């Protein structure tokens, strides 16, 4: 599922997961930038567009959280 890849990349960016060998932060950020141009829920797309990666990760855990927790 696409959310699994987004979650993994968000965990890399927020330092909750160590980058895999052969991967770079630039590549991870590019994938996240590319993901915002796909069919995603509005709020997740907003967080990715604004580079609010911590909020995006929280949203993936609970899509019903308020916009300004």
N, C-alpha and C. Protein backbone atom coordinates (compact mmCIF):
# COMPACT_ATOMS: atom_id res chain seq x y z
N UNK A 1 0.84 -1.19 0.00
CA UNK A 1 0.00 0.00 0.00
C UNK A 1 0.88 1.25 0.00
N UNK A 2 0.40 2.28 -0.65
CA UNK A 2 1.16 3.52 -0.78
C UNK A 2 1.46 4.15 0.58
N UNK A 3 0.52 4.04 1.52
CA UNK A 3 0.73 4.64 2.84
C UNK A 3 1.92 4.02 3.55
N UNK A 4 2.19 2.75 3.32
CA UNK A 4 3.34 2.11 3.97
C UNK A 4 4.64 2.77 3.53
N UNK A 5 4.76 3.06 2.24
CA UNK A 5 5.97 3.71 1.72
C UNK A 5 6.08 5.14 2.24
N UNK A 6 4.96 5.85 2.28
CA UNK A 6 4.97 7.21 2.80
C UNK A 6 5.36 7.20 4.27
N UNK A 7 4.78 6.28 5.04
CA UNK A 7 5.11 6.19 6.46
C UNK A 7 6.61 5.94 6.65
N UNK A 8 7.14 5.03 5.90
CA UNK A 8 8.56 4.69 6.01
C UNK A 8 9.43 5.92 5.72
N UNK A 9 9.10 6.64 4.66
CA UNK A 9 9.87 7.84 4.31
C UNK A 9 9.71 8.92 5.37
N UNK A 10 8.50 9.07 5.91
CA UNK A 10 8.30 10.05 6.98
C UNK A 10 9.11 9.68 8.21
N UNK A 11 9.20 8.40 8.50
CA UNK A 11 10.00 7.96 9.65
C UNK A 11 11.48 8.24 9.42
N UNK A 12 11.95 8.13 8.18
CA UNK A 12 13.34 8.48 7.88
C UNK A 12 13.57 9.97 8.14
N UNK A 13 12.67 10.79 7.61
CA UNK A 13 12.84 12.25 7.71
C UNK A 13 12.74 12.73 9.16
N UNK A 14 11.87 12.12 9.94
CA UNK A 14 11.70 12.54 11.34
C UNK A 14 12.64 11.79 12.27
N UNK A 15 13.55 11.04 11.72
CA UNK A 15 14.60 10.32 12.44
C UNK A 15 14.05 9.27 13.41
N UNK A 16 12.93 8.70 13.06
CA UNK A 16 12.38 7.59 13.84
C UNK A 16 12.89 6.25 13.27
N UNK A 17 13.54 6.33 12.13
CA UNK A 17 14.08 5.15 11.47
C UNK A 17 15.39 5.57 10.80
N UNK A 18 16.35 4.69 10.78
CA UNK A 18 17.65 4.97 10.16
C UNK A 18 17.53 4.72 8.66
N UNK A 19 18.14 5.60 7.88
CA UNK A 19 18.14 5.43 6.42
C UNK A 19 18.75 4.08 6.05
N UNK A 20 18.17 3.45 5.06
CA UNK A 20 18.69 2.17 4.59
C UNK A 20 19.94 2.40 3.75
N UNK A 21 20.77 1.40 3.69
CA UNK A 21 22.00 1.48 2.90
C UNK A 21 21.62 1.75 1.44
N UNK A 22 22.30 2.71 0.85
CA UNK A 22 22.05 3.05 -0.55
C UNK A 22 20.97 4.10 -0.73
N UNK A 23 20.29 4.46 0.35
CA UNK A 23 19.26 5.49 0.28
C UNK A 23 19.84 6.79 0.80
N UNK A 24 19.33 7.91 0.34
CA UNK A 24 19.80 9.20 0.83
C UNK A 24 18.59 10.06 1.21
N UNK A 25 18.83 11.03 2.04
CA UNK A 25 17.76 11.92 2.46
C UNK A 25 17.17 12.66 1.26
N UNK A 26 18.00 13.00 0.31
CA UNK A 26 17.53 13.69 -0.90
C UNK A 26 16.52 12.80 -1.65
N UNK A 27 16.81 11.52 -1.77
CA UNK A 27 15.90 10.60 -2.45
C UNK A 27 14.59 10.47 -1.68
N UNK A 28 14.68 10.39 -0.36
CA UNK A 28 13.48 10.26 0.48
C UNK A 28 12.61 11.51 0.32
N UNK A 29 13.21 12.68 0.37
CA UNK A 29 12.45 13.92 0.21
C UNK A 29 11.82 14.01 -1.17
N UNK A 30 12.52 13.54 -2.18
CA UNK A 30 11.95 13.55 -3.54
C UNK A 30 10.73 12.63 -3.60
N UNK A 31 10.82 11.46 -2.98
CA UNK A 31 9.66 10.55 -2.98
C UNK A 31 8.47 11.19 -2.26
N UNK A 32 8.74 11.88 -1.16
CA UNK A 32 7.66 12.55 -0.45
C UNK A 32 7.07 13.69 -1.28
N UNK A 33 7.91 14.42 -1.99
CA UNK A 33 7.42 15.47 -2.88
C UNK A 33 6.58 14.87 -4.00
N UNK A 34 7.02 13.75 -4.54
CA UNK A 34 6.27 13.08 -5.61
C UNK A 34 4.94 12.54 -5.10
N UNK A 35 4.92 12.08 -3.86
CA UNK A 35 3.70 11.50 -3.28
C UNK A 35 2.59 12.53 -3.17
N UNK A 36 2.96 13.78 -2.96
CA UNK A 36 1.92 14.81 -2.80
C UNK A 36 1.16 15.06 -4.09
N UNK A 37 1.65 14.56 -5.21
CA UNK A 37 0.98 14.73 -6.50
C UNK A 37 0.14 13.52 -6.87
N UNK A 38 -0.04 12.60 -5.92
CA UNK A 38 -0.87 11.43 -6.16
C UNK A 38 -2.21 11.61 -5.47
N UNK A 39 -3.06 10.63 -5.61
CA UNK A 39 -4.40 10.69 -5.03
C UNK A 39 -4.34 10.35 -3.55
N UNK A 40 -4.25 11.39 -2.72
CA UNK A 40 -4.17 11.24 -1.27
C UNK A 40 -5.30 12.03 -0.61
N UNK A 41 -5.66 11.67 0.60
CA UNK A 41 -6.63 12.48 1.32
C UNK A 41 -6.12 13.92 1.45
N UNK A 42 -7.04 14.86 1.44
CA UNK A 42 -6.68 16.28 1.44
C UNK A 42 -5.73 16.67 2.57
N UNK A 43 -6.02 16.21 3.77
CA UNK A 43 -5.21 16.63 4.91
C UNK A 43 -3.78 16.08 4.79
N UNK A 44 -3.64 14.82 4.39
CA UNK A 44 -2.30 14.25 4.21
C UNK A 44 -1.55 14.99 3.12
N UNK A 45 -2.25 15.28 2.04
CA UNK A 45 -1.62 16.03 0.95
C UNK A 45 -1.18 17.41 1.43
N UNK A 46 -1.99 18.06 2.25
CA UNK A 46 -1.64 19.36 2.81
C UNK A 46 -0.37 19.26 3.65
N UNK A 47 -0.31 18.27 4.53
CA UNK A 47 0.87 18.13 5.38
C UNK A 47 2.13 17.88 4.55
N UNK A 48 2.03 17.07 3.52
CA UNK A 48 3.19 16.81 2.67
C UNK A 48 3.60 18.06 1.90
N UNK A 49 2.62 18.79 1.39
CA UNK A 49 2.91 20.02 0.64
C UNK A 49 3.61 21.05 1.52
N UNK A 50 3.17 21.14 2.77
CA UNK A 50 3.74 22.11 3.70
C UNK A 50 5.00 21.59 4.39
N UNK A 51 5.37 20.36 4.05
CA UNK A 51 6.51 19.68 4.68
C UNK A 51 6.35 19.56 6.19
N UNK A 52 5.12 19.36 6.60
CA UNK A 52 4.81 19.12 8.01
C UNK A 52 4.86 17.62 8.24
N UNK A 53 6.07 17.09 8.22
CA UNK A 53 6.24 15.63 8.21
C UNK A 53 5.83 14.98 9.52
N UNK A 54 6.05 15.64 10.63
CA UNK A 54 5.62 15.08 11.91
C UNK A 54 4.11 14.99 11.96
N UNK A 55 3.42 16.03 11.51
CA UNK A 55 1.96 16.02 11.48
C UNK A 55 1.45 14.95 10.51
N UNK A 56 2.12 14.79 9.39
CA UNK A 56 1.71 13.77 8.42
C UNK A 56 1.82 12.38 9.05
N UNK A 57 2.89 12.16 9.78
CA UNK A 57 3.09 10.86 10.43
C UNK A 57 2.01 10.65 11.50
N UNK A 58 1.70 11.67 12.26
CA UNK A 58 0.63 11.57 13.25
C UNK A 58 -0.71 11.31 12.58
N UNK A 59 -0.95 11.95 11.45
CA UNK A 59 -2.19 11.75 10.72
C UNK A 59 -2.32 10.30 10.26
N UNK A 60 -1.23 9.71 9.81
CA UNK A 60 -1.29 8.31 9.37
C UNK A 60 -1.69 7.39 10.52
N UNK A 61 -1.27 7.74 11.74
CA UNK A 61 -1.64 6.94 12.91
C UNK A 61 -3.10 7.16 13.30
N UNK A 62 -3.60 8.38 13.09
CA UNK A 62 -4.97 8.70 13.48
C UNK A 62 -5.52 9.80 12.57
N UNK A 63 -6.17 9.41 11.49
CA UNK A 63 -6.68 10.41 10.52
C UNK A 63 -7.73 11.37 11.10
N UNK A 64 -8.25 11.07 12.29
CA UNK A 64 -9.29 11.92 12.87
C UNK A 64 -8.74 13.01 13.78
N UNK A 65 -7.42 13.12 13.89
CA UNK A 65 -6.85 14.16 14.77
C UNK A 65 -7.19 15.54 14.22
N UNK A 66 -7.36 16.51 15.11
CA UNK A 66 -7.63 17.88 14.66
C UNK A 66 -6.44 18.43 13.87
N UNK A 67 -6.70 19.39 13.03
CA UNK A 67 -5.65 19.96 12.20
C UNK A 67 -4.55 20.61 13.04
N UNK A 68 -4.89 21.24 14.12
CA UNK A 68 -3.92 21.90 15.01
C UNK A 68 -3.95 21.24 16.37
N UNK A 69 -3.26 20.06 16.50
CA UNK A 69 -3.28 19.37 17.79
C UNK A 69 -2.54 20.13 18.88
